[in-house]
Protein backbone atom coordinates (compact mmCIF):
# COMPACT_ATOMS: atom_id res chain seq x y z
CA MET A 1 19.17 50.66 -68.00
CA LEU A 2 15.57 49.44 -67.74
CA GLU A 3 16.74 45.83 -67.84
CA PHE A 4 19.29 46.58 -65.10
CA LEU A 5 16.61 48.22 -62.90
CA LYS A 6 14.36 45.21 -63.49
CA GLN A 7 17.16 42.91 -62.32
CA LEU A 8 17.57 45.02 -59.16
CA THR A 9 14.04 44.04 -58.11
CA ASP A 10 14.76 40.33 -58.55
CA PRO A 11 16.84 38.88 -55.68
CA GLN A 12 18.23 35.96 -57.66
CA SER A 13 19.24 38.21 -60.57
CA ILE A 14 21.09 40.55 -58.19
CA ILE A 15 23.25 37.73 -56.88
CA GLN A 16 23.72 36.12 -60.29
CA TYR A 17 24.49 39.46 -61.98
CA GLY A 18 26.85 41.04 -59.47
CA GLY A 19 27.62 38.51 -56.74
CA LEU A 20 28.50 39.65 -53.23
CA ALA A 21 29.54 43.17 -54.30
CA LEU A 22 26.14 44.05 -55.83
CA LEU A 23 24.37 42.30 -52.95
CA LEU A 24 26.17 44.55 -50.45
CA PHE A 25 25.45 47.66 -52.50
CA VAL A 26 21.73 46.89 -52.73
CA VAL A 27 21.44 46.36 -48.96
CA PHE A 28 23.37 49.61 -48.41
CA ALA A 29 21.18 51.51 -50.90
CA GLU A 30 17.89 50.24 -49.50
CA THR A 31 18.80 51.34 -45.99
CA GLY A 32 20.67 54.55 -46.80
CA LEU A 33 19.48 56.12 -50.05
CA LEU A 34 16.05 57.56 -50.90
CA ILE A 35 16.03 55.61 -54.14
CA GLY A 36 16.41 52.33 -52.24
CA PHE A 37 12.84 51.93 -51.01
CA PHE A 38 11.83 49.80 -54.01
CA LEU A 39 14.64 47.27 -53.56
CA PRO A 40 13.82 43.72 -52.33
CA GLY A 41 15.62 43.75 -48.96
CA ASP A 42 13.95 40.94 -47.01
CA SER A 43 13.67 38.48 -49.87
CA LEU A 44 17.19 39.34 -51.07
CA ILE A 45 18.74 38.55 -47.68
CA PHE A 46 16.72 35.36 -47.31
CA ILE A 47 17.69 34.17 -50.80
CA SER A 48 21.35 35.09 -50.27
CA GLY A 49 21.41 32.66 -47.33
CA LEU A 50 19.64 30.03 -49.42
CA ILE A 51 22.02 30.41 -52.38
CA CYS A 52 25.00 30.39 -50.02
CA VAL A 53 24.23 26.76 -49.16
CA SER A 54 22.49 25.52 -52.32
CA ARG A 55 24.49 27.26 -55.09
CA PRO A 56 27.97 28.14 -53.79
CA GLU A 57 29.18 28.76 -57.35
CA LEU A 58 27.06 31.97 -57.31
CA LEU A 59 27.92 33.07 -53.78
CA ASP A 60 31.11 31.43 -52.59
CA VAL A 61 31.23 32.70 -48.98
CA ASN A 62 30.44 31.05 -45.66
CA LEU A 63 27.39 32.04 -43.61
CA LEU A 64 29.29 34.01 -40.95
CA THR A 65 31.15 36.09 -43.57
CA LEU A 66 27.88 36.76 -45.37
CA ILE A 67 26.11 37.90 -42.18
CA ILE A 68 28.99 40.16 -41.09
CA SER A 69 29.34 41.72 -44.56
CA LEU A 70 25.63 42.38 -44.97
CA SER A 71 25.34 43.74 -41.42
CA ILE A 72 28.13 46.26 -42.05
CA ALA A 73 26.45 47.35 -45.31
CA ALA A 74 23.12 47.78 -43.51
CA ILE A 75 24.72 49.74 -40.64
CA MET A 76 26.60 52.06 -42.99
CA GLY A 77 23.46 52.59 -45.06
CA ASN A 78 21.57 53.79 -42.00
CA VAL A 79 24.42 56.12 -41.04
CA VAL A 80 24.24 57.78 -44.47
CA GLY A 81 20.44 58.04 -44.15
CA TYR A 82 20.76 59.59 -40.67
CA TRP A 83 23.20 62.30 -41.79
CA PHE A 84 21.10 63.06 -44.86
CA GLY A 85 18.07 63.66 -42.63
CA TYR A 86 20.22 65.59 -40.13
CA LYS A 87 21.49 67.97 -42.83
CA VAL A 88 18.19 68.42 -44.72
CA GLY A 89 16.00 68.65 -41.61
CA PRO A 90 12.23 69.40 -41.38
CA PRO A 91 12.02 70.93 -44.91
CA LEU A 92 12.03 67.32 -46.12
CA PHE A 93 8.36 67.15 -45.03
CA THR A 94 7.45 70.00 -47.39
CA ARG A 95 9.47 68.72 -50.31
CA LYS A 96 7.46 68.08 -53.47
CA ASP A 97 6.95 64.52 -54.65
CA SER A 98 9.27 63.28 -57.35
CA LEU A 99 10.02 60.01 -59.12
CA ILE A 100 12.17 58.75 -56.22
CA PHE A 101 10.63 60.64 -53.30
CA LYS A 102 7.06 60.41 -52.02
CA LYS A 103 6.13 62.47 -48.97
CA LYS A 104 3.59 59.82 -47.95
CA TYR A 105 6.46 57.37 -47.31
CA LEU A 106 8.03 59.78 -44.82
CA GLU A 107 4.66 60.45 -43.18
CA THR A 108 3.97 56.71 -42.89
CA THR A 109 7.36 56.27 -41.20
CA LYS A 110 6.61 59.18 -38.84
CA THR A 111 3.32 57.54 -37.81
CA PHE A 112 5.21 54.32 -37.08
CA TYR A 113 7.93 56.30 -35.27
CA ASP A 114 5.42 58.18 -33.10
CA LYS A 115 4.11 54.84 -31.86
CA ASN A 116 7.40 52.96 -31.39
CA GLY A 117 10.03 55.65 -30.81
CA GLY A 118 13.67 54.64 -31.31
CA LYS A 119 12.64 50.99 -31.54
CA THR A 120 11.43 51.86 -35.05
CA LEU A 121 15.07 51.54 -36.13
CA ILE A 122 14.97 47.89 -35.00
CA ILE A 123 11.40 46.91 -35.91
CA GLY A 124 11.56 48.92 -39.12
CA ARG A 125 14.44 46.81 -40.43
CA PHE A 126 11.90 44.09 -41.18
CA LEU A 127 9.46 46.44 -42.96
CA PRO A 128 9.82 47.79 -46.52
CA ILE A 129 9.81 51.59 -46.92
CA ILE A 130 10.05 52.03 -43.12
CA ARG A 131 13.65 50.74 -43.11
CA THR A 132 14.60 53.27 -45.81
CA PHE A 133 13.01 56.31 -44.16
CA ALA A 134 13.47 55.50 -40.44
CA PRO A 135 17.15 56.54 -40.29
CA ILE A 136 16.38 59.67 -42.32
CA LEU A 137 13.61 60.60 -39.87
CA ALA A 138 15.97 59.92 -36.93
CA GLY A 139 18.33 62.47 -38.48
CA VAL A 140 15.53 64.99 -39.06
CA ILE A 141 14.52 64.91 -35.38
CA LYS A 142 18.24 64.87 -34.44
CA LEU A 143 18.08 61.71 -32.35
CA ASP A 144 21.23 61.40 -30.20
CA PHE A 145 23.82 59.74 -32.44
CA LYS A 146 25.01 57.26 -29.80
CA LYS A 147 21.44 56.13 -29.18
CA PHE A 148 20.88 55.98 -32.94
CA MET A 149 23.95 53.77 -33.42
CA PHE A 150 22.79 51.38 -30.70
CA TYR A 151 19.41 50.87 -32.39
CA ASN A 152 21.11 50.84 -35.79
CA ILE A 153 23.57 48.04 -34.93
CA VAL A 154 21.04 45.91 -33.02
CA GLY A 155 18.48 46.26 -35.81
CA ALA A 156 20.95 45.49 -38.59
CA VAL A 157 22.39 42.38 -36.94
CA ALA A 158 18.93 41.06 -35.95
CA TRP A 159 17.56 41.64 -39.47
CA ILE A 160 20.48 40.17 -41.38
CA ALA A 161 21.26 37.26 -39.05
CA SER A 162 17.65 36.06 -38.75
CA LEU A 163 16.71 36.15 -42.45
CA CYS A 164 20.10 35.00 -43.69
CA SER A 165 20.23 32.06 -41.26
CA LEU A 166 16.63 31.12 -42.08
CA GLY A 167 17.45 31.03 -45.80
CA TYR A 168 20.66 29.10 -45.15
CA TYR A 169 19.10 26.35 -43.04
CA LEU A 170 15.95 26.01 -45.16
CA GLY A 171 17.99 26.11 -48.37
CA SER A 172 19.13 22.54 -47.92
CA TYR A 173 15.56 21.32 -48.49
CA LYS A 174 14.59 20.74 -52.12
CA ILE A 175 10.97 21.72 -51.51
CA VAL A 176 12.19 25.17 -50.45
CA GLN A 177 14.51 25.50 -53.46
CA ASP A 178 11.62 24.59 -55.79
CA ASN A 179 9.23 27.13 -54.26
CA VAL A 180 11.44 30.18 -53.74
CA GLY A 181 9.06 32.37 -55.76
CA TYR A 182 6.12 31.62 -53.46
CA ILE A 183 8.27 32.22 -50.38
CA VAL A 184 9.35 35.62 -51.72
CA ILE A 185 5.73 36.59 -52.37
CA ALA A 186 4.77 35.51 -48.84
CA LEU A 187 7.61 37.60 -47.36
CA ILE A 188 6.49 40.66 -49.33
CA ILE A 189 2.87 40.30 -48.21
CA ILE A 190 3.70 39.67 -44.53
CA THR A 191 6.12 42.61 -44.28
CA ALA A 192 3.81 44.96 -46.21
CA ILE A 193 0.85 44.55 -43.83
CA PRO A 194 2.25 46.68 -40.93
CA VAL A 195 3.34 49.37 -43.43
CA ALA A 196 -0.16 49.51 -44.92
CA ILE A 197 -1.68 49.81 -41.43
CA ALA A 198 0.70 52.66 -40.54
CA TYR A 199 -0.08 54.39 -43.84
CA PHE A 200 -3.85 54.33 -43.35
CA LYS A 201 -3.50 55.41 -39.73
CA GLY A 202 -1.42 58.35 -40.90
CA ARG A 203 -4.04 59.29 -43.49
CA ASN A 204 -6.87 59.14 -40.96
CA LYS A 205 -4.85 61.21 -38.49
CA SER A 206 -4.10 63.91 -41.06
CA LYS A 207 -7.77 64.06 -42.04
C-alpha cells in the first residue's frame, strides 16, 4: 500500500503503472476528493502530454483524445467536490483536522476565494490544494450550479489543454525528455508560490 501511494505521487509511475485509466482517476481524485490534494496534478498532466508523443507504448492515445478525456475527469471531479461541500455545508470549517483533512487548506482556499470570487474555480485549477478545495467551498457557499458549471468547464479545459499541449510539443525535444525531473520541480515551485501567499495572508487576517 505504501509503495502504491508513493507511486501516486510520481507522475511517470502513474502512467507506467496504470496507463490512461489510472491517469484519469488521479485527475478526478485531485479535483473531487479531499484525499486528492497531495496528488501531482500539474506535473502529471504535463508529463502525460510529453509521454503521449515521446513514449506512445505507455500512453497510446492522440493528443485530442487525451485532452478531452482528462477534461471530463477534471469536470466530474469538481462536480463531486461541489456536491460534497453543498451537503456538508459550513460545519466543514469546524471539522477537526485528520490525516486527510486540514482546516488550514480550506481557510487558504477561502482567502483566495474572497479575493477572486468565482474565478477561483478557473485560476485555482493551476494551483495545488486550491483546485481540490475550491469546488468544495463553492458548494459550501451554495454558488449557483449553472454559474459553477461555467467556471468548472472553462477552468478544466484551460488547465488540461494548456499543460497537456505544452508537454506534447516540448516532448519532441531530447533536452526536455532528459530534464523532466527539473521541469517537474520547477512546476511545483511556481504553482506553490500563490498558495503560500494566500496561506500567510489568511493567517495574518485571522490573527
